[in-house]
């Protein structure tokens, strides 16, 4: 309630809006959270963090085109937001755009070299494309710093057939 009053008293306070948006998102109010982040980007269109949060919320709501647009805007404005590259990679994977996802995930792990999530998704993406050598290379890198995630990657690759080898019905 106090945060809502602060936001109401100072419409342009993007820090308070972001805090309120994050609290609303954590409480499950994605609509309220989106309203806060949409207000931020309307007032401050160059706020890469707000665009990231919008992307995340759209992705959670399965609004993949909107999520992609927001993540792309986030990394355009602030290329150092590693989690925006990761989010973009996930959205592209969900759209079946694996080759594009590789670029985003590579940017994620370059910025966050010890991100087991980025390595896992990148390894699975290479696997889905039927690129066993690249998938193995990612597994080997992941094994060096996060053996549990590496084991999960290896197990999941063994359980799934690369899309390159699947037949179309």
Protein backbone atom coordinates (compact mmCIF):
# COMPACT_ATOMS: atom_id res chain seq x y z
CA UNK A 1 0.00 0.00 0.00
CA UNK A 2 2.84 2.41 0.84
CA UNK A 3 4.56 1.70 -2.47
CA UNK A 4 1.32 2.34 -4.35
CA UNK A 5 1.05 5.74 -2.60
CA UNK A 6 4.63 6.61 -3.54
CA UNK A 7 3.93 5.71 -7.17
CA UNK A 8 0.66 7.67 -7.16
CA UNK A 9 2.40 10.75 -5.71
CA UNK A 10 5.25 10.63 -8.23
CA UNK A 11 4.16 9.14 -11.54
CA UNK A 12 7.68 9.35 -13.02
CA UNK A 13 9.39 7.41 -10.22
CA UNK A 14 10.47 4.37 -12.22
CA UNK A 15 12.37 2.89 -9.25
CA UNK A 16 9.21 2.77 -7.13
CA UNK A 17 7.19 1.52 -10.12
CA UNK A 18 9.72 -1.24 -10.76
CA UNK A 19 9.68 -2.28 -7.10
CA UNK A 20 5.88 -2.34 -7.15
CA UNK A 21 5.88 -4.25 -10.44
CA UNK A 22 8.25 -6.85 -9.03
CA UNK A 23 6.14 -7.24 -5.86
CA UNK A 24 2.99 -7.64 -7.94
CA UNK A 25 4.69 -10.22 -10.17
CA UNK A 26 5.91 -12.19 -7.14
CA UNK A 27 2.39 -12.18 -5.69
CA UNK A 28 0.99 -13.54 -8.97
CA UNK A 29 -0.60 -10.33 -10.22
CA UNK A 30 0.98 -10.35 -13.69
CA UNK A 31 -1.59 -7.89 -15.06
CA UNK A 32 -0.78 -5.34 -12.34
CA UNK A 33 2.93 -5.96 -12.78
CA UNK A 34 2.69 -5.47 -16.54
CA UNK A 35 0.84 -2.19 -16.01
CA UNK A 36 3.72 -0.91 -13.89
CA UNK A 37 6.42 -1.90 -16.39
CA UNK A 38 4.38 -0.63 -19.34
CA UNK A 39 4.11 2.72 -17.53
CA UNK A 40 7.87 2.77 -17.03
CA UNK A 41 8.65 2.16 -20.71
CA UNK A 42 6.02 4.72 -21.73
CA UNK A 43 7.72 7.34 -19.54
CA UNK A 44 11.29 6.07 -20.00
CA UNK A 45 11.45 4.13 -23.29
CA UNK A 46 15.22 3.59 -22.94
CA UNK A 47 14.88 1.62 -19.67
CA UNK A 48 16.34 -1.77 -20.64
CA UNK A 49 15.53 -3.35 -17.27
CA UNK A 50 11.84 -2.47 -17.59
CA UNK A 51 11.79 -3.97 -21.10
CA UNK A 52 13.38 -7.13 -19.66
CA UNK A 53 10.68 -7.37 -17.01
CA UNK A 54 7.97 -6.92 -19.63
CA UNK A 55 9.57 -9.68 -21.69
CA UNK A 56 9.63 -11.99 -18.70
CA UNK A 57 5.97 -11.32 -17.89
CA UNK A 58 4.88 -11.81 -21.51
CA UNK A 59 6.85 -15.07 -21.65
CA UNK A 60 5.12 -16.26 -18.47
CA UNK A 61 1.76 -15.55 -20.12
CA UNK A 62 2.77 -17.43 -23.32
CA UNK A 63 2.67 -14.20 -25.30
CA UNK A 64 5.78 -15.17 -27.19
CA UNK A 65 5.82 -12.47 -29.89
CA UNK A 66 5.39 -9.73 -27.28
CA UNK A 67 8.04 -11.38 -25.12
CA UNK A 68 10.47 -11.54 -28.03
CA UNK A 69 9.86 -7.89 -28.88
CA UNK A 70 10.46 -6.80 -25.27
CA UNK A 71 13.60 -8.93 -24.83
CA UNK A 72 15.00 -7.66 -28.14
CA UNK A 73 14.34 -4.07 -27.06
CA UNK A 74 16.01 -4.77 -23.71
CA UNK A 75 19.24 -6.10 -25.25
CA UNK A 76 19.22 -3.36 -27.87
CA UNK A 77 19.14 -0.73 -25.13
CA UNK A 78 21.38 -2.55 -22.67
CA UNK A 79 23.33 -5.43 -24.26
CA UNK A 80 24.85 -6.36 -20.90
CA UNK A 81 21.58 -7.73 -19.45
CA UNK A 82 22.52 -11.41 -19.54
CA UNK A 83 19.11 -12.61 -18.38
CA UNK A 84 17.44 -10.75 -21.29
CA UNK A 85 19.60 -12.73 -23.73
CA UNK A 86 18.61 -15.90 -21.86
CA UNK A 87 14.92 -14.96 -21.99
CA UNK A 88 15.19 -14.20 -25.69
CA UNK A 89 16.83 -17.59 -26.22
CA UNK A 90 14.02 -19.38 -24.38
CA UNK A 91 11.33 -17.56 -26.36
CA UNK A 92 13.05 -18.40 -29.65
CA UNK A 93 13.34 -22.06 -28.60
CA UNK A 94 9.62 -22.13 -27.75
CA UNK A 95 8.95 -20.73 -31.25
CA UNK A 96 11.10 -23.48 -32.81
CA UNK A 97 13.67 -20.94 -34.00
CA UNK A 98 16.71 -22.87 -32.78
CA UNK A 99 19.37 -21.25 -34.94
CA UNK A 100 18.37 -17.79 -33.69
CA UNK A 101 18.23 -19.08 -30.11
CA UNK A 102 21.86 -20.20 -30.33
CA UNK A 103 23.05 -16.62 -30.86
CA UNK A 104 21.05 -15.33 -27.88
CA UNK A 105 22.19 -18.17 -25.61
CA UNK A 106 25.81 -17.70 -26.68
CA UNK A 107 25.52 -14.03 -25.69
CA UNK A 108 24.02 -15.10 -22.35
CA UNK A 109 26.88 -17.43 -21.45
CA UNK A 110 29.47 -14.93 -22.65
CA UNK A 111 28.04 -12.41 -20.17
CA UNK A 112 27.36 -15.04 -17.49
CA UNK A 113 30.07 -17.70 -18.02
CA UNK A 114 28.98 -19.81 -15.05
CA UNK A 115 25.27 -19.96 -15.87
CA UNK A 116 24.28 -23.62 -15.84
CA UNK A 117 20.89 -22.65 -17.28
CA UNK A 118 22.37 -20.99 -20.34
CA UNK A 119 24.71 -23.89 -21.00
CA UNK A 120 21.93 -26.44 -20.53
CA UNK A 121 19.60 -24.66 -22.98
CA UNK A 122 22.42 -24.15 -25.48
CA UNK A 123 23.39 -27.83 -25.28
CA UNK A 124 19.80 -28.96 -25.77
CA UNK A 125 19.39 -26.54 -28.69
CA UNK A 126 22.44 -27.96 -30.45
CA UNK A 127 21.10 -31.44 -29.71
CA UNK A 128 17.70 -30.60 -31.22
CA UNK A 129 19.46 -29.36 -34.34
CA UNK A 130 21.34 -32.66 -34.58
CA UNK A 131 24.70 -31.02 -33.94
CA UNK A 132 26.21 -33.66 -31.65
CA UNK A 133 29.72 -32.17 -31.68
CA UNK A 134 28.56 -28.75 -30.45
CA UNK A 135 26.23 -30.34 -27.88
CA UNK A 136 29.15 -32.42 -26.58
CA UNK A 137 31.36 -29.33 -26.38
CA UNK A 138 28.73 -27.55 -24.28
CA UNK A 139 28.37 -30.63 -22.07
CA UNK A 140 32.15 -30.72 -21.55
CA UNK A 141 32.22 -27.04 -20.57
CA UNK A 142 29.29 -27.47 -18.19
CA UNK A 143 30.92 -30.54 -16.64
CA UNK A 144 33.88 -28.37 -15.57
CA UNK A 145 31.87 -26.12 -13.25
CA UNK A 146 28.42 -27.67 -12.70
CA UNK A 147 28.53 -31.49 -12.89
CA UNK A 148 24.92 -31.93 -11.73
CA UNK A 149 23.58 -29.81 -14.58
CA UNK A 150 25.94 -31.56 -16.97
CA UNK A 151 24.48 -34.91 -15.88
CA UNK A 152 20.96 -33.56 -16.43
CA UNK A 153 21.94 -32.31 -19.89
CA UNK A 154 23.44 -35.67 -20.81
CA UNK A 155 20.36 -37.53 -19.52
CA UNK A 156 17.94 -35.26 -21.36
CA UNK A 157 19.90 -35.50 -24.61
CA UNK A 158 19.85 -39.31 -24.30
CA UNK A 159 16.07 -39.25 -23.76
CA UNK A 160 15.23 -37.11 -26.78
CA UNK A 161 15.82 -37.54 -30.47
CA UNK A 162 17.24 -34.56 -32.33
CA UNK A 163 14.58 -32.76 -34.40
CA UNK A 164 16.84 -33.16 -37.41
CA UNK A 165 16.16 -36.92 -37.20
CA UNK A 166 12.43 -36.81 -36.39
CA UNK A 167 9.96 -37.63 -39.13
CA UNK A 168 7.18 -35.22 -39.96
CA UNK A 169 3.75 -36.89 -39.66
